[in-house]
Protein backbone atom coordinates (compact mmCIF):
# COMPACT_ATOMS: atom_id res chain seq x y z
CA MET A 1 290.42 165.56 63.95
CA LYS A 2 293.07 167.41 61.92
CA ILE A 3 291.44 169.20 58.99
CA LEU A 4 293.30 171.06 56.24
CA ILE A 5 291.21 173.59 54.29
CA LEU A 6 292.70 174.83 51.04
CA GLY A 7 291.31 178.18 49.94
CA ALA A 8 289.93 181.01 52.08
CA GLY A 9 287.18 182.21 49.77
CA GLN A 10 283.53 182.41 50.85
CA VAL A 11 283.06 178.63 51.14
CA GLY A 12 286.51 178.06 52.66
CA ARG A 13 285.92 180.71 55.33
CA THR A 14 282.48 179.32 56.10
CA ALA A 15 283.91 175.79 56.40
CA ALA A 16 286.66 177.05 58.72
CA GLN A 17 284.10 178.89 60.84
CA HIS A 18 281.88 175.80 61.23
CA LEU A 19 284.65 173.29 61.84
CA SER A 20 286.84 175.38 64.16
CA ARG A 21 283.91 175.83 66.58
CA GLU A 22 284.07 172.16 67.45
CA GLU A 23 286.60 171.36 70.18
CA ALA A 24 287.69 168.05 68.66
CA ASN A 25 288.92 169.72 65.45
CA GLU A 26 292.30 171.28 64.64
CA VAL A 27 291.83 173.41 61.53
CA THR A 28 294.56 174.78 59.24
CA VAL A 29 293.71 177.09 56.33
CA VAL A 30 295.93 177.60 53.26
CA ASP A 31 295.56 180.54 50.86
CA VAL A 32 297.75 182.72 48.65
CA ASN A 33 296.30 185.92 50.13
CA GLU A 34 298.10 186.77 53.38
CA ASP A 35 295.68 189.61 54.27
CA THR A 36 292.72 187.23 54.08
CA LEU A 37 294.54 184.74 56.31
CA ARG A 38 295.39 187.42 58.90
CA ASP A 39 291.76 188.48 59.04
CA LEU A 40 290.68 184.83 59.41
CA GLN A 41 293.18 184.21 62.22
CA ASP A 42 291.94 187.29 64.09
CA ARG A 43 288.38 185.95 64.10
CA LEU A 44 288.77 182.18 64.35
CA ASP A 45 290.81 179.63 66.28
CA VAL A 46 292.66 178.33 63.21
CA ARG A 47 296.24 177.98 62.02
CA THR A 48 297.08 179.56 58.64
CA VAL A 49 299.74 178.95 55.98
CA ALA A 50 300.31 181.28 53.00
CA GLY A 51 301.14 179.78 49.62
CA ASN A 52 299.94 177.83 46.60
CA ALA A 53 297.67 175.05 47.90
CA ALA A 54 298.96 172.50 45.36
CA TRP A 55 302.67 172.91 46.10
CA PRO A 56 304.25 170.03 48.05
CA THR A 57 306.27 172.39 50.30
CA VAL A 58 303.14 174.36 51.24
CA LEU A 59 301.11 171.22 51.95
CA GLU A 60 303.97 169.86 54.05
CA ALA A 61 304.17 173.10 56.06
CA ALA A 62 300.42 172.99 56.57
CA GLY A 63 300.63 169.49 58.08
CA ALA A 64 299.30 167.33 55.25
CA ALA A 65 301.29 164.35 56.62
CA GLU A 66 299.27 164.42 59.87
CA ALA A 67 295.93 165.61 58.43
CA ASP A 68 292.90 163.31 58.59
CA ILE A 69 291.05 165.25 55.90
CA ILE A 70 292.01 167.70 53.16
CA VAL A 71 289.22 169.91 51.83
CA ALA A 72 290.28 171.69 48.63
CA LEU A 73 288.04 174.73 48.13
CA THR A 74 290.14 177.12 46.04
CA SER A 75 288.59 178.93 43.07
CA SER A 76 290.47 176.64 40.63
CA ASP A 77 289.26 173.11 39.86
CA GLU A 78 292.73 172.21 38.64
CA VAL A 79 294.45 173.40 41.83
CA ASN A 80 291.91 171.47 43.94
CA ILE A 81 292.42 168.24 41.97
CA LEU A 82 296.22 168.55 41.94
CA ALA A 83 296.35 169.34 45.69
CA CYS A 84 294.44 166.12 46.44
CA GLU A 85 296.74 164.16 44.14
CA VAL A 86 299.90 165.58 45.78
CA ALA A 87 298.49 165.05 49.31
CA PHE A 88 297.83 161.38 48.62
CA THR A 89 301.00 160.66 46.63
CA LEU A 90 303.42 162.30 49.08
CA PHE A 91 301.63 162.22 52.42
CA ARG A 92 298.99 159.46 52.10
CA THR A 93 296.29 161.79 53.47
CA PRO A 94 293.31 159.45 54.14
CA THR A 95 290.38 161.59 52.94
CA LYS A 96 290.50 164.11 50.10
CA ILE A 97 287.51 166.31 49.26
CA ALA A 98 287.56 168.77 46.36
CA ARG A 99 285.21 171.45 45.10
CA ILE A 100 284.90 170.97 41.34
CA ARG A 101 282.76 173.28 39.23
CA ALA A 102 283.31 172.18 35.64
CA ALA A 103 280.88 169.57 34.33
CA GLU A 104 283.73 168.40 32.03
CA TYR A 105 285.28 166.82 35.13
CA THR A 106 282.24 165.82 37.18
CA SER A 107 280.38 164.10 34.32
CA ARG A 108 283.16 161.50 33.85
CA ASP A 109 282.40 158.40 35.93
CA LYS A 110 285.91 156.93 36.20
CA LEU A 111 287.91 160.12 36.59
CA PHE A 112 287.94 160.12 40.40
CA GLY A 113 288.01 157.41 43.07
CA ALA A 114 289.87 154.13 43.49
CA ASP A 115 290.90 153.72 39.85
CA GLY A 116 291.20 157.41 39.00
CA MET A 117 292.65 160.60 40.46
CA SER A 118 292.95 160.90 44.23
CA VAL A 119 289.72 162.75 44.98
CA ASP A 120 287.54 160.69 47.32
CA VAL A 121 284.58 163.07 47.22
CA PHE A 122 283.90 165.96 44.87
CA ILE A 123 281.42 168.72 45.59
CA SER A 124 279.84 170.75 42.79
CA PRO A 125 278.35 173.94 44.30
CA GLU A 126 276.58 174.84 41.07
CA GLN A 127 274.85 171.46 40.90
CA LEU A 128 273.90 171.55 44.59
CA VAL A 129 272.40 175.05 44.25
CA THR A 130 270.58 174.08 41.04
CA GLU A 131 268.96 171.06 42.75
CA TYR A 132 268.08 173.20 45.79
CA VAL A 133 266.34 175.89 43.70
CA GLU A 134 264.57 173.21 41.64
CA ARG A 135 263.07 171.71 44.83
CA LEU A 136 261.87 175.14 45.97
CA ILE A 137 260.16 175.69 42.61
CA HIS A 138 258.51 172.26 42.60
CA HIS A 139 257.08 172.95 46.09
CA PRO A 140 255.36 176.35 45.94
CA GLY A 141 255.15 178.17 49.27
CA THR A 142 258.33 176.62 50.72
CA LEU A 143 261.31 178.48 52.18
CA GLN A 144 263.55 175.40 52.26
CA VAL A 145 263.23 171.81 51.02
CA LEU A 146 265.92 169.42 52.24
CA ASP A 147 266.37 165.73 51.42
CA PHE A 148 267.24 162.89 53.81
CA ALA A 149 267.59 159.12 53.38
CA ASP A 150 267.99 159.29 49.59
CA GLY A 151 264.95 161.53 49.31
CA LYS A 152 262.57 159.28 51.28
CA VAL A 153 262.13 162.03 53.90
CA ARG A 154 262.08 165.79 53.40
CA LEU A 155 262.43 168.65 55.83
CA VAL A 156 260.33 171.58 54.61
CA GLY A 157 260.30 175.15 55.87
CA VAL A 158 257.16 177.26 55.34
CA ARG A 159 255.93 180.62 56.52
CA ALA A 160 252.54 180.30 58.20
CA ARG A 161 249.98 182.56 56.61
CA ARG A 162 246.39 183.49 57.31
CA GLY A 163 243.88 181.06 55.86
CA GLY A 164 246.23 178.09 56.09
CA LEU A 165 245.87 175.15 58.43
CA LEU A 166 248.67 176.22 60.76
CA VAL A 167 247.70 179.69 61.96
CA GLY A 168 245.76 179.75 65.22
CA HIS A 169 245.97 175.98 65.78
CA ALA A 170 247.90 173.99 68.37
CA LEU A 171 250.30 171.35 67.06
CA HIS A 172 248.36 168.51 68.68
CA ASP A 173 245.46 169.35 66.30
CA LEU A 174 247.51 168.56 63.18
CA PRO A 175 246.60 164.83 62.96
CA GLN A 176 242.87 165.71 62.78
CA HIS A 177 243.48 167.87 59.70
CA LEU A 178 245.96 165.51 58.06
CA PRO A 179 244.43 162.03 58.38
CA LYS A 180 246.36 159.02 57.08
CA MET A 181 249.51 161.11 56.93
CA GLU A 182 252.21 161.67 59.54
CA VAL A 183 253.81 165.09 59.75
CA ARG A 184 256.23 166.12 62.48
CA VAL A 185 256.93 169.78 63.26
CA VAL A 186 260.54 169.96 64.47
CA ALA A 187 261.16 173.71 64.70
CA ILE A 188 259.32 177.01 64.89
CA TYR A 189 260.90 180.45 64.57
CA ARG A 190 258.99 183.58 65.61
CA ASP A 191 260.61 186.98 65.06
CA GLY A 192 263.96 185.21 64.65
CA ARG A 193 263.71 183.32 67.96
CA ALA A 194 263.38 179.54 68.23
CA LEU A 195 260.27 178.14 69.97
CA ALA A 196 260.11 174.60 71.33
CA PRO A 197 257.42 172.77 69.29
CA GLU A 198 255.23 171.29 72.05
CA GLY A 199 251.75 169.85 71.57
CA GLU A 200 250.17 172.99 73.05
CA THR A 201 252.20 175.38 70.88
CA VAL A 202 249.89 177.58 68.78
CA ILE A 203 251.24 178.76 65.40
CA ALA A 204 251.01 182.50 64.73
CA GLU A 205 250.85 184.24 61.36
CA GLY A 206 254.35 184.86 60.01
CA ASP A 207 256.01 182.01 61.95
CA GLU A 208 258.66 179.99 60.13
CA VAL A 209 257.68 176.35 60.60
CA PHE A 210 259.95 173.40 59.73
CA PHE A 211 258.29 169.99 59.40
CA LEU A 212 259.35 166.48 58.41
CA ALA A 213 257.25 164.20 56.21
CA ALA A 214 257.68 161.33 53.79
CA ARG A 215 258.43 162.63 50.29
CA ASP A 216 255.14 161.37 48.87
CA ASP A 217 253.18 163.27 51.55
CA ILE A 218 254.87 166.64 51.17
CA GLN A 219 252.68 168.06 48.43
CA ARG A 220 249.42 167.11 50.20
CA ALA A 221 250.70 168.47 53.50
CA MET A 222 251.68 171.74 51.81
CA SER A 223 248.28 172.14 50.15
CA GLU A 224 246.57 171.71 53.54
CA MET A 225 248.95 173.99 55.42
CA ARG A 226 249.01 176.79 52.86
CA HIS A 227 245.80 177.05 50.85
CA GLY A 228 246.13 178.95 47.58
CA ASP A 229 249.64 178.02 46.43
CA ASP A 230 249.18 177.25 42.75
CA PRO A 231 251.59 175.06 40.77
CA VAL A 232 254.51 176.90 39.21
CA ARG A 233 254.20 177.21 35.43
CA ARG A 234 255.96 180.42 34.35
CA ILE A 235 259.56 180.95 35.46
CA VAL A 236 261.94 183.81 34.68
CA ILE A 237 265.64 183.23 35.37
CA ALA A 238 268.12 186.10 35.55
CA GLY A 239 271.64 184.96 34.65
CA GLY A 240 272.82 182.35 32.17
CA GLY A 241 275.85 181.18 34.12
CA ASN A 242 276.32 177.58 35.22
CA ILE A 243 273.47 177.67 37.75
CA GLY A 244 270.95 179.60 35.62
CA PHE A 245 271.70 177.50 32.54
CA ARG A 246 271.45 174.16 34.39
CA LEU A 247 268.20 175.23 36.05
CA ALA A 248 266.69 176.29 32.71
CA GLN A 249 267.71 172.95 31.19
CA THR A 250 265.98 171.06 34.01
CA LEU A 251 262.80 173.16 34.13
CA GLU A 252 262.15 173.71 30.42
CA LYS A 253 260.82 170.15 30.08
CA HIS A 254 257.75 170.89 32.20
CA SER A 255 257.45 174.69 32.55
CA GLN A 256 257.51 177.90 30.51
CA VAL A 257 261.01 179.26 31.07
CA LYS A 258 262.53 182.60 30.07
CA LEU A 259 266.22 183.25 30.74
CA ILE A 260 267.75 186.76 30.68
CA GLU A 261 271.51 187.03 30.05
CA ARG A 262 273.54 190.27 29.77
CA ASP A 263 276.40 188.86 27.71
CA ALA A 264 275.40 188.60 24.03
CA HIS A 265 277.89 185.82 23.23
CA ARG A 266 276.80 183.73 26.25
CA ALA A 267 273.10 184.32 25.44
CA ARG A 268 273.59 183.11 21.88
CA LYS A 269 275.60 180.08 23.03
CA ILE A 270 273.04 178.83 25.55
CA SER A 271 270.10 179.54 23.23
CA GLU A 272 271.60 176.96 20.86
CA VAL A 273 271.57 174.31 23.60
CA LEU A 274 268.24 174.98 25.30
CA VAL A 275 265.28 173.42 23.50
CA ASN A 276 262.09 175.05 24.84
CA ALA A 277 263.31 177.91 27.01
CA ILE A 278 263.32 181.44 25.56
CA VAL A 279 266.70 183.18 25.94
CA LEU A 280 266.69 187.00 26.05
CA HIS A 281 269.75 189.24 25.75
CA GLY A 282 269.39 192.08 28.22
CA ASP A 283 269.63 193.34 31.81
CA ALA A 284 267.31 191.68 34.32
CA ALA A 285 267.20 194.97 36.28
CA ASP A 286 265.79 196.80 33.21
CA GLU A 287 262.22 197.73 34.14
CA GLU A 288 261.07 198.10 30.53
CA LEU A 289 262.38 194.64 29.62
CA LEU A 290 260.63 193.01 32.58
CA ILE A 291 257.33 194.74 31.79
CA GLU A 292 257.65 193.81 28.11
CA GLU A 293 258.19 190.16 29.09
CA ASN A 294 255.06 190.17 31.32
CA ILE A 295 256.87 189.75 34.62
CA ASP A 296 253.53 190.23 36.41
CA SER A 297 252.44 186.81 35.13
CA ALA A 298 255.60 185.04 36.38
CA ASP A 299 255.08 182.50 39.16
CA VAL A 300 258.80 182.60 40.06
CA PHE A 301 261.61 185.06 39.33
CA ALA A 302 265.04 183.61 40.21
CA ALA A 303 268.01 186.00 40.15
CA LEU A 304 271.08 183.77 39.77
CA THR A 305 273.80 186.01 38.30
CA ASN A 306 277.37 186.29 39.66
CA SER A 307 276.59 189.71 41.14
CA GLU A 308 274.60 189.61 44.38
CA GLU A 309 273.88 193.34 44.14
CA ALA A 310 272.34 192.78 40.70
CA ASN A 311 270.40 189.80 42.05
CA ILE A 312 268.95 191.83 44.93
CA LEU A 313 267.97 194.79 42.73
CA SER A 314 266.41 192.70 39.95
CA ALA A 315 264.50 190.50 42.42
CA MET A 316 263.12 193.52 44.29
CA LEU A 317 262.13 195.13 40.98
CA ALA A 318 260.46 191.93 39.73
CA LYS A 319 258.47 191.70 42.99
CA ARG A 320 257.34 195.33 42.70
CA LEU A 321 256.24 194.68 39.12
CA GLY A 322 254.06 191.74 40.14
CA ALA A 323 256.11 188.50 40.12
CA LYS A 324 254.44 186.16 42.63
CA LYS A 325 257.61 184.75 44.23
CA VAL A 326 261.16 186.05 43.92
CA MET A 327 264.45 184.54 45.03
CA ALA A 328 268.00 185.85 44.86
CA LEU A 329 271.41 184.18 45.02
CA ILE A 330 273.42 185.93 47.73
CA ASN A 331 276.92 185.16 49.00
CA LYS A 332 277.45 187.64 51.83
CA PRO A 333 275.79 186.50 55.09
CA SER A 334 275.21 190.14 56.09
CA TYR A 335 273.23 190.70 52.89
CA THR A 336 271.16 187.58 53.55
CA GLU A 337 269.89 189.00 56.84
CA LEU A 338 268.95 192.31 55.21
CA VAL A 339 267.22 190.65 52.27
CA GLU A 340 265.12 188.30 54.41
CA SER A 341 263.37 191.33 55.93
CA SER A 342 262.71 192.93 52.52
CA SER A 343 260.39 192.12 49.62
CA ILE A 344 262.55 189.19 48.47
CA ASP A 345 260.89 185.89 49.41
CA ILE A 346 263.96 183.61 49.53
CA ALA A 347 267.66 184.38 49.85
CA ILE A 348 269.72 181.49 48.46
CA SER A 349 273.12 181.06 50.13
CA PRO A 350 275.55 178.91 48.10
CA GLN A 351 277.87 178.58 51.11
CA THR A 352 275.11 177.24 53.36
CA ILE A 353 274.04 174.71 50.72
CA THR A 354 277.62 173.64 49.93
CA ILE A 355 278.68 173.46 53.57
CA GLY A 356 275.84 171.05 54.34
CA SER A 357 277.17 168.61 51.75
CA LEU A 358 280.74 169.11 52.96
CA LEU A 359 280.01 168.62 56.67
CA ALA A 360 278.44 165.23 56.00
CA HIS A 361 281.91 163.95 55.02
CA VAL A 362 283.67 165.51 58.02
CA ARG A 363 281.35 164.55 60.87
CA ARG A 364 282.18 161.73 63.27
CA GLY A 365 279.79 158.84 63.86
CA ASP A 366 278.07 157.69 60.70
CA VAL A 367 276.53 161.05 59.82
CA VAL A 368 275.63 160.91 56.16
CA ARG A 369 273.69 164.13 55.61
CA VAL A 370 273.93 167.57 57.22
CA HIS A 371 271.87 170.66 56.41
CA ALA A 372 272.49 174.05 57.98
CA LEU A 373 269.38 176.06 58.91
CA LYS A 374 268.87 179.66 59.99
CA ARG A 375 272.23 180.83 58.59
CA GLY A 376 274.09 178.01 60.36
CA ALA A 377 272.68 178.53 63.88
CA ALA A 378 270.70 175.27 63.67
CA GLU A 379 271.31 171.97 61.91
CA ALA A 380 269.34 169.00 60.67
CA LEU A 381 271.28 165.80 60.21
CA GLU A 382 270.90 162.14 59.30
CA ALA A 383 272.86 159.51 61.24
CA ILE A 384 273.02 155.76 60.65
CA VAL A 385 272.75 153.62 63.79
CA HIS A 386 275.38 150.89 64.25
CA GLY A 387 276.14 148.28 66.89
CA ASP A 388 273.92 146.48 69.39
CA GLU A 389 272.44 147.22 72.81
CA ARG A 390 275.85 146.81 74.48
CA SER A 391 277.99 148.84 72.07
CA SER A 392 275.51 151.60 71.18
CA ARG A 393 273.91 154.35 73.28
CA VAL A 394 270.77 154.34 71.12
CA VAL A 395 270.09 150.79 69.85
CA GLY A 396 267.15 149.12 71.62
CA ARG A 397 266.10 152.34 73.36
CA THR A 398 262.99 154.41 72.87
CA VAL A 399 263.32 158.03 71.75
CA GLN A 400 262.39 159.09 75.28
CA GLN A 401 265.25 157.04 76.76
CA ILE A 402 267.96 158.55 74.55
CA ALA A 403 269.97 161.25 76.37
CA LEU A 404 269.70 164.02 73.78
CA PRO A 405 271.13 167.44 74.67
CA GLU A 406 268.84 170.44 75.13
CA GLY A 407 267.28 171.64 71.88
CA ALA A 408 267.96 168.36 70.04
CA SER A 409 265.10 166.14 68.89
CA ILE A 410 264.63 163.02 66.77
CA GLY A 411 262.06 163.78 64.11
CA ALA A 412 261.92 160.65 61.96
CA ILE A 413 263.43 157.20 61.49
CA VAL A 414 263.88 155.48 58.13
CA ARG A 415 263.97 151.67 58.42
CA GLY A 416 264.53 150.12 55.00
CA ASP A 417 261.83 151.70 52.84
CA GLU A 418 259.59 152.51 55.81
CA VAL A 419 259.39 156.11 57.09
CA ILE A 420 258.48 156.32 60.79
CA MET A 421 257.68 159.65 62.44
CA ALA A 422 259.37 159.49 65.85
CA HIS A 423 257.29 159.54 69.04
CA HIS A 424 258.46 159.18 72.65
CA ASP A 425 257.84 155.41 72.60
CA THR A 426 259.42 154.69 69.18
CA PHE A 427 262.30 152.20 69.40
CA VAL A 428 265.60 152.78 67.58
CA LEU A 429 267.16 149.70 65.96
CA ALA A 430 270.50 148.90 64.34
CA ASP A 431 270.85 150.18 60.74
CA ASP A 432 268.08 152.78 61.22
CA HIS A 433 268.60 156.16 59.59
CA VAL A 434 267.74 158.72 62.28
CA ILE A 435 266.81 162.29 61.29
CA LEU A 436 267.64 164.78 64.04
CA PHE A 437 267.10 168.50 64.50
CA LEU A 438 269.46 170.67 66.57
CA ALA A 439 268.15 174.10 67.55
CA ASP A 440 271.66 174.98 68.78
CA ARG A 441 274.54 173.53 66.76
CA ARG A 442 276.90 173.95 69.74
CA HIS A 443 275.44 170.65 71.01
CA LEU A 444 276.52 168.87 67.83
CA GLU A 445 279.47 167.07 69.41
CA ALA A 446 277.24 165.58 72.12
CA VAL A 447 274.86 164.26 69.44
CA GLU A 448 277.74 162.80 67.41
CA ARG A 449 279.03 160.97 70.49
CA LEU A 450 275.65 159.28 70.87
CA PHE A 451 276.03 157.68 67.44
CA LEU A 452 279.63 156.57 67.88
CA ARG A 453 279.90 152.85 68.56
CA SER A 454 281.42 152.11 71.97
CA PRO A 455 284.55 149.90 71.84
CA HIS A 456 283.09 147.48 74.42
């Protein structure tokens, strides 16, 4: 597949890194910064073109006429939209994906698509991150909460702690503790290493455990697995940018929300829009301000400013001053690794969240949802099954009979409105939505081939 990535910022580089690893892809990256492109070419197997991503001559030189997909990820919404428009008008590029931040564009129903501008899919990182953080807040004790099959199934990551159901118990004991509810553990990480989740596997304190369950069962499963996680009522948000503001808007309906913003003009502006949330002008890394605002009574402190250094410092300070759970928005992957071993509970990576949405539109087979786990080393994905027993490698077979590569497992199947936790004797039928976990994303191509319909 020939993929043209426009923009070599954080998300563009991450997309190039993910997609160039796969043998079937030919990736070309366009950016105005030649130094960035040289660095990218030294590290990845990609072709690069320097220039303005929306210019016809640059797109032509980059191979837009032969490209299967254009992914516009520059820092400018307008450049991304125009690049898609030029690519379709001049080169008839089949699939155009654009990153669009401004709600002024994304809130208009008819602006893009068949009757509008030539953007087939738009991705709003701010909205994706806002929804991601909101899910974490609504499910206390979670490290990750990921949706599949229109939210019917969720993959939840938790850290096993003493006193909870998981620690000291083998996985085959779970059904006894969770009657009338099916939960499937698909991955366990201990000291950064993946463990195969077998029936005899005993969970240790501190393990990261990822499990699948129907959405309606998640809360009950969490309360059994981690006793003592109270509902979140008091939330402090650092940063009144797009993400912080949107999150405050969503949460203020049901929770006590305080938002801290450094810029006086921005603080005044958002205070006029928010209804119940309290907006404070100040620095979230100011110890006196946090103490004055009773940070020790906060259930969640979310540092969501544009500066990751400020996010790390304010989150660590809030934790030291007594906030129960702290999370920080962090762009640099190297920072994420450092932070995960510190006092910060959750490091939120916009690239990882955005790339999951992006990859769903680039994958072969009918893969409709992709989530990166463990900083991209592992993946969870949702594939729709097509064909019949002659044209498909999975239709009419049991889970045990499907030739999955090492480290890949089928965790759940959604059939209509029914959620089925997959066992060795579970049959896969046409039109099923299959939720898979890959401990090693290098086997992704083999999994995709399984869900491609055979021509005969």
